[in-house]
Amino acid sequence: MNNIVDFFKDCSKKVEVFLDGCLLNSSVFTAGLNEGMRYSVFAGGKRLRPTLVYASYGLFKKDYDVVTPFAAAIEVVHTYSLIHDDLPAMDNDDMRRGKPSNHKAFGEAEAILAGDGLLTKAFEIMSDTSYSPQIPADIRLKAIYKLARAAGDNGMVGGQFADITSEGKKTTVELVDYIHKNKTSALIECAIYLGAVAAEAEEKEIDNLIAFGKNIGLAFQVVDDILDITSSSEVLGKNVNKDMESNKATYPAVYSLEGAKAKADEYIEKAMAHLDIFKERADILKDIAKFITERNS
């Protein structure tokens, strides 16, 4: 792992090999369901969240395969959220990662069920003690609870609800902060936590990593808001200018484009400060933080 690109590739490979063995069809009657689940999981993507799980774990231990089930679980939760986000009742997007969205490829009802299947698959993976049996039961339980909370009404689902119900309404800083903290940052923060708790890090170390995760999660969403305005569909692999057309609550809407860029830099600076206690051990996490603000898709 000579650089951040190699690290991302290595983490992606670990997760994809693992999920290829998990997402197996169990019946002739559910072959289409399995196909839809695999379609979105293996459609590509940055694999940011599992990479963060590995990077956080790697601060303390180097037997990375141990934490692969946690990394895979958070990736399938993220994938489920993308399938549901694209639905006509939600963001109504026809493209995802340069391919037809799941509901365009398989049908709306089938896409809903594919998302449901992935969400529940995550907790099946995390609770299956045949995967990384050396993880203590109390650690496994903490990880399951954290992911459930980050994905539910106190996290991603709550953020999505606030997002879709605020369309066309007055945008405020408080509203944007709530949406982005829950819809995006909660799962990124959780990824950092999963790696740290699996490595049995100390409470102070976990607290600093959670704060790091929260801030890079907010920075990630600010950059997404900016790219929706400044990038193209070809580069992003999805439709652009959707936020503006839907009058969504975004950082550029409340801070201006330049103000949003400054906000992203501010979040990254705060995030970096929480890594000081780890010194050079946190170089991979620092590189990931830089990647978040410098990416173009």
C-alpha atoms as a PDB file:
ATOM      1  CA  MET A   1       0.000   0.000   0.000  1.00  0.00           C
ATOM      2  CA  ASN A   2       2.367   2.668  -1.239  1.00  0.00           C
ATOM      3  CA  ASN A   3      -0.239   5.400  -1.509  1.00  0.00           C
ATOM      4  CA  ILE A   4      -3.868   6.203  -0.993  1.00  0.00           C
ATOM      5  CA  VAL A   5      -4.896   4.917  -4.437  1.00  0.00           C
ATOM      6  CA  ASP A   6      -3.374   1.520  -3.679  1.00  0.00           C
ATOM      7  CA  PHE A   7      -5.044   1.493  -0.279  1.00  0.00           C
ATOM      8  CA  PHE A   8      -8.469   2.178  -1.800  1.00  0.00           C
ATOM      9  CA  LYS A   9      -7.933  -0.560  -4.389  1.00  0.00           C
ATOM     10  CA  ASP A  10      -6.819  -3.083  -1.791  1.00  0.00           C
ATOM     11  CA  CYS A  11      -9.772  -2.318   0.488  1.00  0.00           C
ATOM     12  CA  SER A  12     -12.207  -2.500  -2.427  1.00  0.00           C
ATOM     13  CA  LYS A  13     -10.863  -5.889  -3.471  1.00  0.00           C
ATOM     14  CA  LYS A  14     -11.181  -7.312   0.049  1.00  0.00           C
ATOM     15  CA  VAL A  15     -14.784  -6.177   0.361  1.00  0.00           C
ATOM     16  CA  GLU A  16     -15.802  -7.254  -3.136  1.00  0.00           C
ATOM     17  CA  VAL A  17     -14.334 -10.748  -2.749  1.00  0.00           C
ATOM     18  CA  PHE A  18     -16.118 -11.113   0.590  1.00  0.00           C
ATOM     19  CA  LEU A  19     -19.469  -9.862  -0.748  1.00  0.00           C
ATOM     20  CA  ASP A  20     -19.203 -12.051  -3.829  1.00  0.00           C
ATOM     21  CA  GLY A  21     -19.267 -14.992  -1.455  1.00  0.00           C
ATOM     22  CA  CYS A  22     -22.103 -13.571   0.663  1.00  0.00           C
ATOM     23  CA  LEU A  23     -24.546 -12.435  -1.995  1.00  0.00           C
ATOM     24  CA  LEU A  24     -25.482 -15.868  -3.291  1.00  0.00           C
ATOM     25  CA  ASN A  25     -28.891 -16.796  -4.629  1.00  0.00           C
ATOM     26  CA  SER A  26     -30.735 -19.293  -2.432  1.00  0.00           C
ATOM     27  CA  SER A  27     -33.753 -20.131  -4.591  1.00  0.00           C
ATOM     28  CA  VAL A  28     -34.951 -20.171  -8.181  1.00  0.00           C
ATOM     29  CA  PHE A  29     -37.786 -17.953  -6.961  1.00  0.00           C
ATOM     30  CA  THR A  30     -35.449 -15.168  -5.799  1.00  0.00           C
ATOM     31  CA  ALA A  31     -32.917 -15.203  -8.622  1.00  0.00           C
ATOM     32  CA  GLY A  32     -34.114 -11.799  -9.817  1.00  0.00           C
ATOM     33  CA  LEU A  33     -33.833 -10.362  -6.321  1.00  0.00           C
ATOM     34  CA  ASN A  34     -30.261 -11.580  -5.976  1.00  0.00           C
ATOM     35  CA  GLU A  35     -29.433 -10.193  -9.409  1.00  0.00           C
ATOM     36  CA  GLY A  36     -30.764  -6.760  -8.426  1.00  0.00           C
ATOM     37  CA  MET A  37     -28.807  -6.748  -5.162  1.00  0.00           C
ATOM     38  CA  ARG A  38     -25.585  -7.700  -6.900  1.00  0.00           C
ATOM     39  CA  TYR A  39     -26.209  -5.229  -9.733  1.00  0.00           C
ATOM     40  CA  SER A  40     -25.907  -2.250  -7.396  1.00  0.00           C
ATOM     41  CA  VAL A  41     -23.261  -3.661  -5.049  1.00  0.00           C
ATOM     42  CA  PHE A  42     -20.872  -4.402  -7.920  1.00  0.00           C
ATOM     43  CA  ALA A  43     -21.661  -1.291  -9.976  1.00  0.00           C
ATOM     44  CA  GLY A  44     -18.416   0.352  -8.878  1.00  0.00           C
ATOM     45  CA  GLY A  45     -17.997   3.335  -6.601  1.00  0.00           C
ATOM     46  CA  LYS A  46     -15.273   4.678  -4.359  1.00  0.00           C
ATOM     47  CA  ARG A  47     -15.833   2.207  -1.485  1.00  0.00           C
ATOM     48  CA  LEU A  48     -15.094   5.122   0.843  1.00  0.00           C
ATOM     49  CA  ARG A  49     -16.914   3.740   3.884  1.00  0.00           C
ATOM     50  CA  PRO A  50     -15.259   0.317   3.961  1.00  0.00           C
ATOM     51  CA  THR A  51     -11.917   1.975   3.280  1.00  0.00           C
ATOM     52  CA  LEU A  52     -12.475   4.130   6.356  1.00  0.00           C
ATOM     53  CA  VAL A  53     -13.244   1.011   8.402  1.00  0.00           C
ATOM     54  CA  TYR A  54      -9.912  -0.499   7.358  1.00  0.00           C
ATOM     55  CA  ALA A  55      -7.990   2.751   7.847  1.00  0.00           C
ATOM     56  CA  SER A  56      -9.370   3.246  11.345  1.00  0.00           C
ATOM     57  CA  TYR A  57      -8.672  -0.374  12.276  1.00  0.00           C
ATOM     58  CA  GLY A  58      -5.171  -0.056  10.836  1.00  0.00           C
ATOM     59  CA  LEU A  59      -4.251   2.594  13.379  1.00  0.00           C
ATOM     60  CA  PHE A  60      -4.119  -0.162  15.971  1.00  0.00           C
ATOM     61  CA  LYS A  61      -3.835  -3.536  14.221  1.00  0.00           C
ATOM     62  CA  LYS A  62      -2.709  -4.777  10.819  1.00  0.00           C
ATOM     63  CA  ASP A  63      -4.636  -8.049  10.424  1.00  0.00           C
ATOM     64  CA  TYR A  64      -7.106  -6.253   8.159  1.00  0.00           C
ATOM     65  CA  ASP A  65      -9.110  -9.344   7.171  1.00  0.00           C
ATOM     66  CA  VAL A  66     -10.561  -9.475  10.700  1.00  0.00           C
ATOM     67  CA  VAL A  67     -12.594  -6.323  10.110  1.00  0.00           C
ATOM     68  CA  THR A  68     -13.764  -7.191   6.579  1.00  0.00           C
ATOM     69  CA  PRO A  69     -17.280  -8.247   7.723  1.00  0.00           C
ATOM     70  CA  PHE A  70     -17.822  -4.799   9.267  1.00  0.00           C
ATOM     71  CA  ALA A  71     -16.456  -3.083   6.160  1.00  0.00           C
ATOM     72  CA  ALA A  72     -18.713  -5.173   3.915  1.00  0.00           C
ATOM     73  CA  ALA A  73     -21.768  -4.548   6.095  1.00  0.00           C
ATOM     74  CA  ILE A  74     -21.481  -0.780   5.935  1.00  0.00           C
ATOM     75  CA  GLU A  75     -20.976  -0.905   2.176  1.00  0.00           C
ATOM     76  CA  VAL A  76     -24.200  -2.842   1.603  1.00  0.00           C
ATOM     77  CA  VAL A  77     -26.085  -0.411   3.865  1.00  0.00           C
ATOM     78  CA  HIS A  78     -24.713   2.448   1.779  1.00  0.00           C
ATOM     79  CA  THR A  79     -25.689   0.654  -1.434  1.00  0.00           C
ATOM     80  CA  TYR A  80     -29.226   0.046  -0.183  1.00  0.00           C
ATOM     81  CA  SER A  81     -29.534   3.765   0.562  1.00  0.00           C
ATOM     82  CA  LEU A  82     -28.491   4.653  -2.996  1.00  0.00           C
ATOM     83  CA  ILE A  83     -31.071   2.287  -4.501  1.00  0.00           C
ATOM     84  CA  HIS A  84     -33.833   3.851  -2.415  1.00  0.00           C
ATOM     85  CA  ASP A  85     -32.569   7.420  -2.935  1.00  0.00           C
ATOM     86  CA  ASP A  86     -32.889   6.976  -6.703  1.00  0.00           C
ATOM     87  CA  LEU A  87     -36.530   5.840  -6.573  1.00  0.00           C
ATOM     88  CA  PRO A  88     -39.201   8.032  -8.193  1.00  0.00           C
ATOM     89  CA  ALA A  89     -40.709   8.718  -4.764  1.00  0.00           C
ATOM     90  CA  MET A  90     -37.348   9.995  -3.512  1.00  0.00           C
ATOM     91  CA  ASP A  91     -34.775  11.750  -5.733  1.00  0.00           C
ATOM     92  CA  ASN A  92     -36.083  10.203  -8.971  1.00  0.00           C
ATOM     93  CA  ASP A  93     -32.676   9.605 -10.578  1.00  0.00           C
ATOM     94  CA  ASP A  94     -32.366   7.447 -13.678  1.00  0.00           C
ATOM     95  CA  MET A  95     -28.572   7.064 -13.536  1.00  0.00           C
ATOM     96  CA  ARG A  96     -26.160   5.882 -10.850  1.00  0.00           C
ATOM     97  CA  ARG A  97     -22.440   5.358 -11.369  1.00  0.00           C
ATOM     98  CA  GLY A  98     -22.867   5.719 -15.110  1.00  0.00           C
ATOM     99  CA  LYS A  99     -25.473   2.944 -15.341  1.00  0.00           C
ATOM    100  CA  PRO A 100     -29.275   2.851 -15.180  1.00  0.00           C
ATOM    101  CA  SER A 101     -30.493   3.116 -11.599  1.00  0.00           C
ATOM    102  CA  ASN A 102     -31.699  -0.114 -10.038  1.00  0.00           C
ATOM    103  CA  HIS A 103     -35.381   0.700 -10.536  1.00  0.00           C
ATOM    104  CA  LYS A 104     -34.755   1.539 -14.198  1.00  0.00           C
ATOM    105  CA  ALA A 105     -32.954  -1.764 -14.737  1.00  0.00           C
ATOM    106  CA  PHE A 106     -35.280  -4.044 -12.762  1.00  0.00           C
ATOM    107  CA  GLY A 107     -38.484  -2.172 -11.877  1.00  0.00           C
ATOM    108  CA  GLU A 108     -39.559  -0.057  -8.920  1.00  0.00           C
ATOM    109  CA  ALA A 109     -40.936  -2.808  -6.674  1.00  0.00           C
ATOM    110  CA  GLU A 110     -37.921  -4.997  -7.388  1.00  0.00           C
ATOM    111  CA  ALA A 111     -35.559  -2.140  -6.511  1.00  0.00           C
ATOM    112  CA  ILE A 112     -37.307  -1.540  -3.196  1.00  0.00           C
ATOM    113  CA  LEU A 113     -36.912  -5.205  -2.324  1.00  0.00           C
ATOM    114  CA  ALA A 114     -33.268  -5.246  -3.455  1.00  0.00           C
ATOM    115  CA  GLY A 115     -32.612  -2.360  -1.077  1.00  0.00           C
ATOM    116  CA  ASP A 116     -34.485  -4.125   1.728  1.00  0.00           C
ATOM    117  CA  GLY A 117     -32.470  -7.261   1.081  1.00  0.00           C
ATOM    118  CA  LEU A 118     -29.172  -5.394   1.317  1.00  0.00           C
ATOM    119  CA  LEU A 119     -30.097  -3.542   4.496  1.00  0.00           C
ATOM    120  CA  THR A 120     -30.970  -6.748   6.307  1.00  0.00           C
ATOM    121  CA  LYS A 121     -27.982  -8.564   4.780  1.00  0.00           C
ATOM    122  CA  ALA A 122     -25.710  -6.106   6.586  1.00  0.00           C
ATOM    123  CA  PHE A 123     -26.918  -7.214  10.000  1.00  0.00           C
ATOM    124  CA  GLU A 124     -26.869 -10.870   8.978  1.00  0.00           C
ATOM    125  CA  ILE A 125     -23.191 -10.456   8.116  1.00  0.00           C
ATOM    126  CA  MET A 126     -22.307  -8.599  11.306  1.00  0.00           C
ATOM    127  CA  SER A 127     -24.101 -11.032  13.605  1.00  0.00           C
ATOM    128  CA  ASP A 128     -22.765 -14.181  11.915  1.00  0.00           C
ATOM    129  CA  THR A 129     -20.001 -15.313  14.271  1.00  0.00           C
ATOM    130  CA  SER A 130     -18.514 -17.597  11.635  1.00  0.00           C
ATOM    131  CA  TYR A 131     -17.128 -14.403  10.116  1.00  0.00           C
ATOM    132  CA  SER A 132     -14.105 -13.230  12.140  1.00  0.00           C
ATOM    133  CA  PRO A 133     -14.974 -15.344  15.212  1.00  0.00           C
ATOM    134  CA  GLN A 134     -12.126 -13.714  17.113  1.00  0.00           C
ATOM    135  CA  ILE A 135     -14.162 -10.508  17.475  1.00  0.00           C
ATOM    136  CA  PRO A 136     -15.602 -10.581  21.036  1.00  0.00           C
ATOM    137  CA  ALA A 137     -19.391 -10.737  21.330  1.00  0.00           C
ATOM    138  CA  ASP A 138     -19.612  -7.425  23.215  1.00  0.00           C
ATOM    139  CA  ILE A 139     -17.597  -5.664  20.499  1.00  0.00           C
ATOM    140  CA  ARG A 140     -19.775  -7.182  17.791  1.00  0.00           C
ATOM    141  CA  LEU A 141     -22.908  -5.989  19.623  1.00  0.00           C
ATOM    142  CA  LYS A 142     -21.550  -2.439  19.956  1.00  0.00           C
ATOM    143  CA  ALA A 143     -20.775  -2.386  16.236  1.00  0.00           C
ATOM    144  CA  ILE A 144     -24.240  -3.662  15.279  1.00  0.00           C
ATOM    145  CA  TYR A 145     -25.909  -1.059  17.487  1.00  0.00           C
ATOM    146  CA  LYS A 146     -23.813   1.771  16.072  1.00  0.00           C
ATOM    147  CA  LEU A 147     -24.586   0.817  12.470  1.00  0.00           C
ATOM    148  CA  ALA A 148     -28.300   0.398  13.181  1.00  0.00           C
ATOM    149  CA  ARG A 149     -28.459   3.814  14.811  1.00  0.00           C
ATOM    150  CA  ALA A 150     -26.421   5.509  12.080  1.00  0.00           C
ATOM    151  CA  ALA A 151     -28.640   4.023   9.377  1.00  0.00           C
ATOM    152  CA  GLY A 152     -32.031   4.619  11.005  1.00  0.00           C
ATOM    153  CA  ASP A 153     -34.313   7.437  12.068  1.00  0.00           C
ATOM    154  CA  ASN A 154     -31.576   8.924  14.257  1.00  0.00           C
ATOM    155  CA  GLY A 155     -29.200   8.953  11.309  1.00  0.00           C
ATOM    156  CA  MET A 156     -29.394   8.392   7.562  1.00  0.00           C
ATOM    157  CA  VAL A 157     -33.145   7.713   7.290  1.00  0.00           C
ATOM    158  CA  GLY A 158     -33.921  10.732   9.462  1.00  0.00           C
ATOM    159  CA  GLY A 159     -31.680  12.896   7.290  1.00  0.00           C
ATOM    160  CA  GLN A 160     -33.332  11.640   4.120  1.00  0.00           C
ATOM    161  CA  PHE A 161     -36.781  12.375   5.566  1.00  0.00           C
ATOM    162  CA  ALA A 162     -35.765  15.942   6.403  1.00  0.00           C
ATOM    163  CA  ASP A 163     -34.261  16.265   2.931  1.00  0.00           C
ATOM    164  CA  ILE A 164     -37.320  15.231   0.929  1.00  0.00           C
ATOM    165  CA  THR A 165     -39.848  17.028   3.149  1.00  0.00           C
ATOM    166  CA  SER A 166     -37.919  20.308   2.999  1.00  0.00           C
ATOM    167  CA  GLU A 167     -37.916  20.588  -0.802  1.00  0.00           C
ATOM    168  CA  GLY A 168     -39.342  23.908  -1.906  1.00  0.00           C
ATOM    169  CA  LYS A 169     -39.263  25.322   1.615  1.00  0.00           C
ATOM    170  CA  LYS A 170     -37.052  28.042   3.066  1.00  0.00           C
ATOM    171  CA  THR A 171     -33.494  26.776   3.473  1.00  0.00           C
ATOM    172  CA  THR A 172     -31.733  27.547   6.735  1.00  0.00           C
ATOM    173  CA  VAL A 173     -28.273  26.745   8.065  1.00  0.00           C
ATOM    174  CA  GLU A 174     -29.839  24.639  10.831  1.00  0.00           C
ATOM    175  CA  LEU A 175     -31.804  22.573   8.312  1.00  0.00           C
ATOM    176  CA  VAL A 176     -28.822  21.978   6.034  1.00  0.00           C
ATOM    177  CA  ASP A 177     -26.621  21.017   8.980  1.00  0.00           C
ATOM    178  CA  TYR A 178     -29.230  18.548  10.246  1.00  0.00           C
ATOM    179  CA  ILE A 179     -29.717  16.910   6.847  1.00  0.00           C
ATOM    180  CA  HIS A 180     -26.025  16.553   6.086  1.00  0.00           C
ATOM    181  CA  LYS A 181     -25.053  15.452   9.600  1.00  0.00           C
ATOM    182  CA  ASN A 182     -27.597  12.659   9.475  1.00  0.00           C
ATOM    183  CA  LYS A 183     -28.013  11.739   5.813  1.00  0.00           C
ATOM    184  CA  THR A 184     -24.299  11.551   5.002  1.00  0.00           C
ATOM    185  CA  SER A 185     -22.007  12.155   7.950  1.00  0.00           C
ATOM    186  CA  ALA A 186     -23.622   9.607  10.301  1.00  0.00           C
ATOM    187  CA  LEU A 187     -22.637   6.619   8.171  1.00  0.00           C
ATOM    188  CA  ILE A 188     -19.111   7.931   7.538  1.00  0.00           C
ATOM    189  CA  GLU A 189     -18.665   8.555  11.258  1.00  0.00           C
ATOM    190  CA  CYS A 190     -19.933   5.028  11.859  1.00  0.00           C
ATOM    191  CA  ALA A 191     -17.351   3.576   9.456  1.00  0.00           C
ATOM    192  CA  ILE A 192     -14.570   5.143  11.489  1.00  0.00           C
ATOM    193  CA  TYR A 193     -16.121   3.829  14.700  1.00  0.00           C
ATOM    194  CA  LEU A 194     -16.466   0.274  13.393  1.00  0.00           C
ATOM    195  CA  GLY A 195     -12.764   0.015  12.647  1.00  0.00           C
ATOM    196  CA  ALA A 196     -11.742   1.502  15.978  1.00  0.00           C
ATOM    197  CA  VAL A 197     -14.094  -0.580  18.110  1.00  0.00           C
ATOM    198  CA  ALA A 198     -13.110  -3.786  16.283  1.00  0.00           C
ATOM    199  CA  ALA A 199      -9.476  -2.977  17.124  1.00  0.00           C
ATOM    200  CA  GLU A 200     -10.488  -2.428  20.776  1.00  0.00           C
ATOM    201  CA  ALA A 201      -9.177   1.134  20.796  1.00  0.00           C
ATOM    202  CA  GLU A 202      -9.315   3.175  23.985  1.00  0.00           C
ATOM    203  CA  GLU A 203     -12.268   5.480  24.663  1.00  0.00           C
ATOM    204  CA  LYS A 204     -10.276   8.684  24.140  1.00  0.00           C
ATOM    205  CA  GLU A 205      -8.965   7.374  20.824  1.00  0.00           C
ATOM    206  CA  ILE A 206     -12.456   6.428  19.681  1.00  0.00           C
ATOM    207  CA  ASP A 207     -13.819   9.850  20.660  1.00  0.00           C
ATOM    208  CA  ASN A 208     -11.208  11.597  18.521  1.00  0.00           C
ATOM    209  CA  LEU A 209     -11.862   9.291  15.595  1.00  0.00           C
ATOM    210  CA  ILE A 210     -15.617   9.842  15.820  1.00  0.00           C
ATOM    211  CA  ALA A 211     -15.042  13.608  15.725  1.00  0.00           C
ATOM    212  CA  PHE A 212     -12.763  13.127  12.725  1.00  0.00           C
ATOM    213  CA  GLY A 213     -15.432  11.046  10.991  1.00  0.00           C
ATOM    214  CA  LYS A 214     -18.164  13.581  11.658  1.00  0.00           C
ATOM    215  CA  ASN A 215     -16.150  16.399  10.113  1.00  0.00           C
ATOM    216  CA  ILE A 216     -14.982  14.516   7.023  1.00  0.00           C
ATOM    217  CA  GLY A 217     -18.557  13.317   6.553  1.00  0.00           C
ATOM    218  CA  LEU A 218     -19.797  16.904   6.496  1.00  0.00           C
ATOM    219  CA  ALA A 219     -16.969  17.891   4.159  1.00  0.00           C
ATOM    220  CA  PHE A 220     -17.882  15.011   1.849  1.00  0.00           C
ATOM    221  CA  GLN A 221     -21.472  16.221   1.538  1.00  0.00           C
ATOM    222  CA  VAL A 222     -20.419  19.837   0.997  1.00  0.00           C
ATOM    223  CA  VAL A 223     -18.232  18.689  -1.896  1.00  0.00           C
ATOM    224  CA  ASP A 224     -21.150  16.639  -3.264  1.00  0.00           C
ATOM    225  CA  ASP A 225     -23.326  19.758  -3.167  1.00  0.00           C
ATOM    226  CA  ILE A 226     -20.651  21.706  -5.028  1.00  0.00           C
ATOM    227  CA  LEU A 227     -20.104  18.999  -7.667  1.00  0.00           C
ATOM    228  CA  ASP A 228     -23.831  18.912  -8.384  1.00  0.00           C
ATOM    229  CA  ILE A 229     -23.400  22.484  -9.637  1.00  0.00           C
ATOM    230  CA  THR A 230     -19.902  22.475 -11.112  1.00  0.00           C
ATOM    231  CA  SER A 231     -19.453  18.976 -12.577  1.00  0.00           C
ATOM    232  CA  SER A 232     -21.070  17.058 -15.441  1.00  0.00           C
ATOM    233  CA  SER A 233     -23.206  13.939 -15.688  1.00  0.00           C
ATOM    234  CA  GLU A 234     -20.398  12.197 -17.576  1.00  0.00           C
ATOM    235  CA  VAL A 235     -17.934  12.753 -14.743  1.00  0.00           C
ATOM    236  CA  LEU A 236     -20.307  12.068 -11.843  1.00  0.00           C
ATOM    237  CA  GLY A 237     -22.107   9.152 -13.455  1.00  0.00           C
ATOM    238  CA  LYS A 238     -25.466  10.616 -12.429  1.00  0.00           C
ATOM    239  CA  ASN A 239     -27.662  13.587 -13.250  1.00  0.00           C
ATOM    240  CA  VAL A 240     -26.388  17.015 -12.190  1.00  0.00           C
ATOM    241  CA  ASN A 241     -28.170  20.204 -11.120  1.00  0.00           C
ATOM    242  CA  LYS A 242     -30.849  18.076  -9.463  1.00  0.00           C
ATOM    243  CA  ASP A 243     -30.457  19.837  -6.116  1.00  0.00           C
ATOM    244  CA  MET A 244     -30.993  23.279  -7.598  1.00  0.00           C
ATOM    245  CA  GLU A 245     -33.932  22.149  -9.744  1.00  0.00           C
ATOM    246  CA  SER A 246     -35.613  20.549  -6.717  1.00  0.00           C
ATOM    247  CA  ASN A 247     -34.826  23.531  -4.499  1.00  0.00           C
ATOM    248  CA  LYS A 248     -33.049  21.260  -2.027  1.00  0.00           C
ATOM    249  CA  ALA A 249     -31.401  22.393   1.189  1.00  0.00           C
ATOM    250  CA  THR A 250     -27.680  22.458   0.312  1.00  0.00           C
ATOM    251  CA  TYR A 251     -24.557  24.263   1.450  1.00  0.00           C
ATOM    252  CA  PRO A 252     -24.283  26.426  -1.706  1.00  0.00           C
ATOM    253  CA  ALA A 253     -27.921  27.428  -1.168  1.00  0.00           C
ATOM    254  CA  VAL A 254     -27.137  28.925   2.238  1.00  0.00           C
ATOM    255  CA  TYR A 255     -23.449  29.831   1.972  1.00  0.00           C
ATOM    256  CA  SER A 256     -22.972  30.495  -1.799  1.00  0.00           C
ATOM    257  CA  LEU A 257     -20.628  28.377  -3.910  1.00  0.00           C
ATOM    258  CA  GLU A 258     -17.464  30.036  -2.611  1.00  0.00           C
ATOM    259  CA  GLY A 259     -18.781  29.947   0.934  1.00  0.00           C
ATOM    260  CA  ALA A 260     -19.471  26.230   0.602  1.00  0.00           C
ATOM    261  CA  LYS A 261     -15.894  25.606  -0.579  1.00  0.00           C
ATOM    262  CA  ALA A 262     -14.603  27.473   2.463  1.00  0.00           C
ATOM    263  CA  LYS A 263     -16.907  25.410   4.680  1.00  0.00           C
ATOM    264  CA  ALA A 264     -15.505  22.165   3.281  1.00  0.00           C
ATOM    265  CA  ASP A 265     -11.959  23.350   4.024  1.00  0.00           C
ATOM    266  CA  GLU A 266     -13.044  24.308   7.539  1.00  0.00           C
ATOM    267  CA  TYR A 267     -14.452  20.831   8.207  1.00  0.00           C
ATOM    268  CA  ILE A 268     -11.290  19.148   6.922  1.00  0.00           C
ATOM    269  CA  GLU A 269      -9.127  21.376   9.128  1.00  0.00           C
ATOM    270  CA  LYS A 270     -11.219  20.428  12.166  1.00  0.00           C
ATOM    271  CA  ALA A 271     -11.026  16.772  11.207  1.00  0.00           C
ATOM    272  CA  MET A 272      -7.232  16.846  10.915  1.00  0.00           C
ATOM    273  CA  ALA A 273      -6.893  18.351  14.394  1.00  0.00           C
ATOM    274  CA  HIS A 274      -8.541  15.266  15.888  1.00  0.00           C
ATOM    275  CA  LEU A 275      -5.800  13.068  14.410  1.00  0.00           C
ATOM    276  CA  ASP A 276      -2.963  14.868  16.185  1.00  0.00           C
ATOM    277  CA  ILE A 277      -2.852  12.298  19.005  1.00  0.00           C
ATOM    278  CA  PHE A 278      -2.056   9.545  16.485  1.00  0.00           C
ATOM    279  CA  LYS A 279       0.807  11.422  14.778  1.00  0.00           C
ATOM    280  CA  GLU A 280       2.180   9.673  11.650  1.00  0.00           C
ATOM    281  CA  ARG A 281       0.076   6.559  12.333  1.00  0.00           C
ATOM    282  CA  ALA A 282      -2.883   8.486  10.911  1.00  0.00           C
ATOM    283  CA  ASP A 283      -1.290   9.337   7.562  1.00  0.00           C
ATOM    284  CA  ILE A 284      -3.762   7.157   5.623  1.00  0.00           C
ATOM    285  CA  LEU A 285      -6.725   8.865   7.290  1.00  0.00           C
ATOM    286  CA  LYS A 286      -5.197  12.263   6.493  1.00  0.00           C
ATOM    287  CA  ASP A 287      -4.812  11.241   2.847  1.00  0.00           C
ATOM    288  CA  ILE A 288      -8.449  10.129   2.754  1.00  0.00           C
ATOM    289  CA  ALA A 289      -9.521  13.504   4.154  1.00  0.00           C
ATOM    290  CA  LYS A 290      -7.568  15.277   1.412  1.00  0.00           C
ATOM    291  CA  PHE A 291      -9.095  12.984  -1.193  1.00  0.00           C
ATOM    292  CA  ILE A 292     -12.565  14.038  -0.052  1.00  0.00           C
ATOM    293  CA  THR A 293     -12.008  17.702  -0.844  1.00  0.00           C
ATOM    294  CA  GLU A 294      -9.931  17.161  -3.991  1.00  0.00           C
ATOM    295  CA  ARG A 295     -12.153  14.574  -5.727  1.00  0.00           C
ATOM    296  CA  ASN A 296     -14.104  15.407  -8.877  1.00  0.00           C
ATOM    297  CA  SER A 297     -16.757  12.719  -8.649  1.00  0.00           C
END
